[in-house]
Amino acid sequence: MRIGRAHVWLAAFAAGLVLSHSAVAADAGKGQQAFMKYGCWQCHGTMGQGGTNGPKLAPDPIALEAMSAFIRSSNRQMPPYREQVLPNEDLADIHAYLASIPKPPDYKTIPILND
């Protein structure tokens, strides 16, 4: 199988996209601000817990690459957010914010729930 120039260029471009996502030092504090600024909270709740119009995003969000792909090309109820509207840096920060949200305590460790 012979690899053409277009294939080599496409592979280099894809690698660059992956590296650009991982090279960004994401900031959870900025991510929380961006989550509010871009209106994510309106459907997903202020802590990504989900709501009537949007699914739960935190804790344990999906991988940044998968989240980015969905946000950029959504054809569901959520409109797509192109990079011109939601820059990659802000998206990485939002992901860091969602990843920073701790899991709730196990209900078995809450005395009032175990009476």
N, C-alpha and C. Protein backbone atom coordinates (compact mmCIF):
# COMPACT_ATOMS: atom_id res chain seq x y z
N MET A 1 0.84 -1.18 0.00
CA MET A 1 0.00 0.00 0.00
C MET A 1 0.89 1.24 0.00
N ARG A 2 0.62 2.14 -0.90
CA ARG A 2 1.40 3.34 -1.01
C ARG A 2 0.68 4.50 -0.32
N ILE A 3 1.43 5.23 0.49
CA ILE A 3 0.86 6.36 1.21
C ILE A 3 1.16 7.63 0.43
N GLY A 4 0.12 8.35 0.08
CA GLY A 4 0.28 9.57 -0.69
C GLY A 4 0.52 10.78 0.20
N ARG A 5 0.83 11.89 -0.43
CA ARG A 5 1.09 13.13 0.29
C ARG A 5 -0.13 13.58 1.11
N ALA A 6 -1.31 13.38 0.55
CA ALA A 6 -2.52 13.80 1.26
C ALA A 6 -2.68 13.02 2.57
N HIS A 7 -2.35 11.73 2.53
CA HIS A 7 -2.45 10.93 3.75
C HIS A 7 -1.44 11.39 4.80
N VAL A 8 -0.23 11.69 4.36
CA VAL A 8 0.80 12.15 5.29
C VAL A 8 0.39 13.50 5.88
N TRP A 9 -0.11 14.39 5.04
CA TRP A 9 -0.55 15.70 5.53
C TRP A 9 -1.70 15.55 6.51
N LEU A 10 -2.66 14.69 6.19
CA LEU A 10 -3.81 14.49 7.07
C LEU A 10 -3.37 13.91 8.42
N ALA A 11 -2.46 12.97 8.41
CA ALA A 11 -1.96 12.39 9.66
C ALA A 11 -1.23 13.44 10.49
N ALA A 12 -0.43 14.28 9.86
CA ALA A 12 0.28 15.34 10.57
C ALA A 12 -0.70 16.35 11.15
N PHE A 13 -1.72 16.69 10.38
CA PHE A 13 -2.74 17.63 10.84
C PHE A 13 -3.48 17.07 12.05
N ALA A 14 -3.88 15.80 11.99
CA ALA A 14 -4.59 15.17 13.10
C ALA A 14 -3.71 15.12 14.34
N ALA A 15 -2.45 14.78 14.18
CA ALA A 15 -1.52 14.75 15.31
C ALA A 15 -1.38 16.13 15.93
N GLY A 16 -1.35 17.15 15.09
CA GLY A 16 -1.27 18.52 15.58
C GLY A 16 -2.48 18.91 16.39
N LEU A 17 -3.65 18.46 15.96
CA LEU A 17 -4.88 18.75 16.73
C LEU A 17 -4.83 18.10 18.09
N VAL A 18 -4.41 16.87 18.15
CA VAL A 18 -4.32 16.16 19.43
C VAL A 18 -3.31 16.85 20.33
N LEU A 19 -2.15 17.20 19.78
CA LEU A 19 -1.13 17.86 20.57
C LEU A 19 -1.58 19.23 21.04
N SER A 20 -2.34 19.96 20.21
CA SER A 20 -2.78 21.28 20.62
C SER A 20 -3.74 21.18 21.79
N HIS A 21 -4.55 20.12 21.84
CA HIS A 21 -5.45 19.94 22.98
C HIS A 21 -4.67 19.59 24.24
N SER A 22 -3.69 18.70 24.13
CA SER A 22 -2.98 18.27 25.32
C SER A 22 -1.94 19.29 25.77
N ALA A 23 -1.48 20.15 24.86
CA ALA A 23 -0.47 21.13 25.22
C ALA A 23 -1.04 22.29 26.02
N VAL A 24 -2.34 22.46 25.99
CA VAL A 24 -2.98 23.55 26.70
C VAL A 24 -3.03 23.19 28.19
N ALA A 25 -2.52 24.08 29.02
CA ALA A 25 -2.59 23.88 30.46
C ALA A 25 -3.96 24.36 30.92
N ALA A 26 -4.86 23.43 31.15
CA ALA A 26 -6.23 23.77 31.51
C ALA A 26 -6.31 24.27 32.95
N ASP A 27 -7.23 25.20 33.19
CA ASP A 27 -7.39 25.83 34.49
C ASP A 27 -8.85 25.66 34.93
N ALA A 28 -9.06 24.90 36.01
CA ALA A 28 -10.42 24.62 36.48
C ALA A 28 -11.15 25.89 36.93
N GLY A 29 -10.44 26.84 37.53
CA GLY A 29 -11.06 28.10 37.95
C GLY A 29 -11.58 28.89 36.76
N LYS A 30 -10.75 28.99 35.73
CA LYS A 30 -11.20 29.66 34.51
C LYS A 30 -12.32 28.86 33.85
N GLY A 31 -12.25 27.53 33.97
CA GLY A 31 -13.28 26.68 33.40
C GLY A 31 -14.63 26.90 34.03
N GLN A 32 -14.66 27.12 35.34
CA GLN A 32 -15.93 27.39 36.01
C GLN A 32 -16.51 28.71 35.49
N GLN A 33 -15.66 29.72 35.32
CA GLN A 33 -16.12 31.00 34.79
C GLN A 33 -16.64 30.83 33.36
N ALA A 34 -15.92 30.06 32.54
CA ALA A 34 -16.34 29.84 31.15
C ALA A 34 -17.64 29.04 31.11
N PHE A 35 -17.81 28.08 32.01
CA PHE A 35 -19.03 27.27 32.08
C PHE A 35 -20.24 28.17 32.29
N MET A 36 -20.06 29.20 33.12
CA MET A 36 -21.14 30.17 33.36
C MET A 36 -21.27 31.14 32.17
N LYS A 37 -20.16 31.64 31.68
CA LYS A 37 -20.16 32.62 30.59
C LYS A 37 -20.85 32.10 29.34
N TYR A 38 -20.56 30.85 28.96
CA TYR A 38 -21.12 30.29 27.73
C TYR A 38 -22.50 29.66 27.93
N GLY A 39 -23.02 29.74 29.15
CA GLY A 39 -24.38 29.28 29.41
C GLY A 39 -24.54 27.78 29.57
N CYS A 40 -23.45 27.07 29.75
CA CYS A 40 -23.53 25.60 29.92
C CYS A 40 -24.41 25.24 31.12
N TRP A 41 -24.31 26.06 32.17
CA TRP A 41 -25.03 25.81 33.41
C TRP A 41 -26.54 25.80 33.20
N GLN A 42 -27.03 26.50 32.19
CA GLN A 42 -28.48 26.61 32.00
C GLN A 42 -29.13 25.25 31.75
N CYS A 43 -28.44 24.37 31.08
CA CYS A 43 -28.99 23.04 30.80
C CYS A 43 -28.35 21.94 31.65
N HIS A 44 -27.09 22.13 32.02
CA HIS A 44 -26.33 21.07 32.70
C HIS A 44 -26.17 21.29 34.21
N GLY A 45 -26.75 22.38 34.74
CA GLY A 45 -26.60 22.69 36.16
C GLY A 45 -25.28 23.36 36.45
N THR A 46 -25.21 24.09 37.54
CA THR A 46 -24.01 24.88 37.83
C THR A 46 -22.78 24.03 38.14
N MET A 47 -23.00 22.78 38.50
CA MET A 47 -21.86 21.89 38.77
C MET A 47 -21.86 20.70 37.83
N GLY A 48 -22.51 20.85 36.67
CA GLY A 48 -22.52 19.78 35.69
C GLY A 48 -23.34 18.58 36.13
N GLN A 49 -24.23 18.76 37.11
CA GLN A 49 -25.00 17.66 37.66
C GLN A 49 -26.16 17.22 36.77
N GLY A 50 -26.40 17.96 35.71
CA GLY A 50 -27.51 17.63 34.80
C GLY A 50 -28.76 18.39 35.19
N GLY A 51 -29.65 18.49 34.24
CA GLY A 51 -30.90 19.20 34.47
C GLY A 51 -31.98 18.65 33.56
N THR A 52 -33.07 19.38 33.45
CA THR A 52 -34.17 18.90 32.62
C THR A 52 -33.83 18.91 31.14
N ASN A 53 -32.92 19.79 30.72
CA ASN A 53 -32.59 19.90 29.29
C ASN A 53 -31.22 19.37 28.92
N GLY A 54 -30.39 19.05 29.89
CA GLY A 54 -29.04 18.59 29.57
C GLY A 54 -28.60 17.48 30.49
N PRO A 55 -27.79 16.54 29.97
CA PRO A 55 -27.34 15.42 30.78
C PRO A 55 -26.28 15.81 31.80
N LYS A 56 -26.05 14.93 32.73
CA LYS A 56 -25.01 15.08 33.74
C LYS A 56 -23.64 15.05 33.04
N LEU A 57 -22.77 15.99 33.41
CA LEU A 57 -21.43 16.06 32.83
C LEU A 57 -20.34 15.75 33.85
N ALA A 58 -20.65 15.89 35.13
CA ALA A 58 -19.64 15.71 36.18
C ALA A 58 -20.26 14.98 37.36
N PRO A 59 -19.49 14.34 38.20
CA PRO A 59 -18.05 14.19 38.06
C PRO A 59 -17.70 13.17 36.97
N ASP A 60 -16.46 13.02 36.72
CA ASP A 60 -15.96 12.09 35.70
C ASP A 60 -16.49 12.40 34.30
N PRO A 61 -16.15 13.57 33.75
CA PRO A 61 -16.59 13.87 32.39
C PRO A 61 -15.93 12.94 31.38
N ILE A 62 -16.53 12.86 30.20
CA ILE A 62 -15.93 12.06 29.13
C ILE A 62 -14.59 12.70 28.75
N ALA A 63 -13.77 12.01 28.02
CA ALA A 63 -12.46 12.52 27.60
C ALA A 63 -12.61 13.84 26.85
N LEU A 64 -11.64 14.70 26.99
CA LEU A 64 -11.67 16.02 26.35
C LEU A 64 -11.88 15.90 24.84
N GLU A 65 -11.20 14.96 24.20
CA GLU A 65 -11.32 14.83 22.75
C GLU A 65 -12.75 14.46 22.35
N ALA A 66 -13.38 13.56 23.10
CA ALA A 66 -14.76 13.17 22.81
C ALA A 66 -15.72 14.32 23.09
N MET A 67 -15.49 15.02 24.19
CA MET A 67 -16.34 16.17 24.54
C MET A 67 -16.22 17.25 23.47
N SER A 68 -15.01 17.52 23.05
CA SER A 68 -14.77 18.53 22.03
C SER A 68 -15.45 18.16 20.71
N ALA A 69 -15.31 16.91 20.31
CA ALA A 69 -15.93 16.46 19.06
C ALA A 69 -17.43 16.63 19.11
N PHE A 70 -18.05 16.28 20.24
CA PHE A 70 -19.50 16.42 20.36
C PHE A 70 -19.91 17.89 20.34
N ILE A 71 -19.23 18.71 21.13
CA ILE A 71 -19.60 20.12 21.24
C ILE A 71 -19.44 20.83 19.89
N ARG A 72 -18.41 20.47 19.15
CA ARG A 72 -18.17 21.13 17.86
C ARG A 72 -19.15 20.69 16.77
N SER A 73 -19.70 19.50 16.87
CA SER A 73 -20.53 18.99 15.76
C SER A 73 -21.89 18.46 16.19
N SER A 74 -22.36 18.86 17.35
CA SER A 74 -23.65 18.37 17.85
C SER A 74 -24.77 18.64 16.85
N ASN A 75 -25.60 17.64 16.65
CA ASN A 75 -26.79 17.83 15.81
C ASN A 75 -28.03 17.41 16.60
N ARG A 76 -27.91 17.48 17.90
CA ARG A 76 -29.01 17.14 18.79
C ARG A 76 -29.63 18.43 19.32
N GLN A 77 -30.24 18.35 20.48
CA GLN A 77 -30.91 19.51 21.07
C GLN A 77 -29.92 20.65 21.34
N MET A 78 -28.69 20.29 21.71
CA MET A 78 -27.67 21.31 21.96
C MET A 78 -27.09 21.79 20.63
N PRO A 79 -27.02 23.10 20.44
CA PRO A 79 -26.41 23.60 19.20
C PRO A 79 -24.90 23.38 19.22
N PRO A 80 -24.28 23.24 18.03
CA PRO A 80 -22.82 23.11 18.01
C PRO A 80 -22.16 24.43 18.38
N TYR A 81 -21.06 24.34 19.08
CA TYR A 81 -20.28 25.52 19.44
C TYR A 81 -18.97 25.44 18.67
N ARG A 82 -18.85 26.21 17.61
CA ARG A 82 -17.63 26.25 16.81
C ARG A 82 -16.51 26.94 17.59
N GLU A 83 -15.29 26.74 17.15
CA GLU A 83 -14.14 27.34 17.84
C GLU A 83 -14.20 28.86 17.86
N GLN A 84 -14.85 29.46 16.87
CA GLN A 84 -14.98 30.92 16.84
C GLN A 84 -15.85 31.43 17.99
N VAL A 85 -16.75 30.59 18.47
CA VAL A 85 -17.64 30.96 19.57
C VAL A 85 -17.06 30.51 20.91
N LEU A 86 -16.56 29.30 20.97
CA LEU A 86 -15.99 28.71 22.18
C LEU A 86 -14.57 28.24 21.86
N PRO A 87 -13.56 29.08 22.16
CA PRO A 87 -12.18 28.73 21.84
C PRO A 87 -11.72 27.44 22.52
N ASN A 88 -10.77 26.74 21.89
CA ASN A 88 -10.26 25.48 22.43
C ASN A 88 -9.74 25.64 23.86
N GLU A 89 -9.10 26.76 24.16
CA GLU A 89 -8.56 26.98 25.50
C GLU A 89 -9.69 27.01 26.53
N ASP A 90 -10.79 27.70 26.21
CA ASP A 90 -11.93 27.76 27.12
C ASP A 90 -12.58 26.38 27.27
N LEU A 91 -12.65 25.64 26.18
CA LEU A 91 -13.22 24.30 26.23
C LEU A 91 -12.38 23.39 27.12
N ALA A 92 -11.06 23.48 27.01
CA ALA A 92 -10.17 22.68 27.86
C ALA A 92 -10.33 23.08 29.33
N ASP A 93 -10.49 24.38 29.58
CA ASP A 93 -10.71 24.85 30.95
C ASP A 93 -12.04 24.33 31.50
N ILE A 94 -13.08 24.34 30.68
CA ILE A 94 -14.39 23.81 31.10
C ILE A 94 -14.25 22.33 31.46
N HIS A 95 -13.52 21.59 30.64
CA HIS A 95 -13.31 20.17 30.92
C HIS A 95 -12.56 20.01 32.24
N ALA A 96 -11.55 20.84 32.47
CA ALA A 96 -10.80 20.77 33.74
C ALA A 96 -11.72 21.08 34.92
N TYR A 97 -12.63 22.04 34.75
CA TYR A 97 -13.58 22.36 35.82
C TYR A 97 -14.46 21.15 36.11
N LEU A 98 -15.01 20.55 35.08
CA LEU A 98 -15.89 19.39 35.28
C LEU A 98 -15.13 18.24 35.94
N ALA A 99 -13.87 18.05 35.55
CA ALA A 99 -13.05 16.99 36.13
C ALA A 99 -12.68 17.28 37.58
N SER A 100 -12.69 18.55 37.97
CA SER A 100 -12.31 18.92 39.34
C SER A 100 -13.46 18.76 40.33
N ILE A 101 -14.66 18.57 39.86
CA ILE A 101 -15.82 18.44 40.75
C ILE A 101 -15.75 17.07 41.42
N PRO A 102 -15.74 17.07 42.75
CA PRO A 102 -15.61 15.78 43.45
C PRO A 102 -16.89 14.95 43.38
N LYS A 103 -16.71 13.66 43.53
CA LYS A 103 -17.86 12.76 43.60
C LYS A 103 -18.58 13.02 44.91
N PRO A 104 -19.90 12.88 44.92
CA PRO A 104 -20.62 13.03 46.19
C PRO A 104 -20.29 11.87 47.12
N PRO A 105 -20.49 12.06 48.42
CA PRO A 105 -20.19 10.97 49.35
C PRO A 105 -21.15 9.80 49.14
N ASP A 106 -20.69 8.63 49.46
CA ASP A 106 -21.53 7.44 49.40
C ASP A 106 -22.66 7.61 50.41
N TYR A 107 -23.87 7.32 50.02
CA TYR A 107 -25.01 7.53 50.91
C TYR A 107 -24.86 6.72 52.21
N LYS A 108 -24.10 5.65 52.17
CA LYS A 108 -23.92 4.82 53.36
C LYS A 108 -23.10 5.54 54.44
N THR A 109 -22.39 6.59 54.04
CA THR A 109 -21.57 7.35 55.01
C THR A 109 -22.33 8.54 55.60
N ILE A 110 -23.59 8.73 55.20
CA ILE A 110 -24.40 9.85 55.70
C ILE A 110 -25.38 9.29 56.73
N PRO A 111 -25.13 9.58 58.03
CA PRO A 111 -25.91 8.95 59.09
C PRO A 111 -27.43 9.10 58.95
N ILE A 112 -27.90 10.26 58.62
CA ILE A 112 -29.35 10.48 58.55
C ILE A 112 -30.03 9.63 57.48
N LEU A 113 -29.28 9.22 56.48
CA LEU A 113 -29.84 8.37 55.43
C LEU A 113 -29.81 6.90 55.79
N ASN A 114 -29.21 6.57 56.89
CA ASN A 114 -29.06 5.17 57.27
C ASN A 114 -29.76 4.84 58.59
N ASP A 115 -30.71 5.64 59.00
CA ASP A 115 -31.46 5.36 60.24
C ASP A 115 -32.52 4.32 60.04
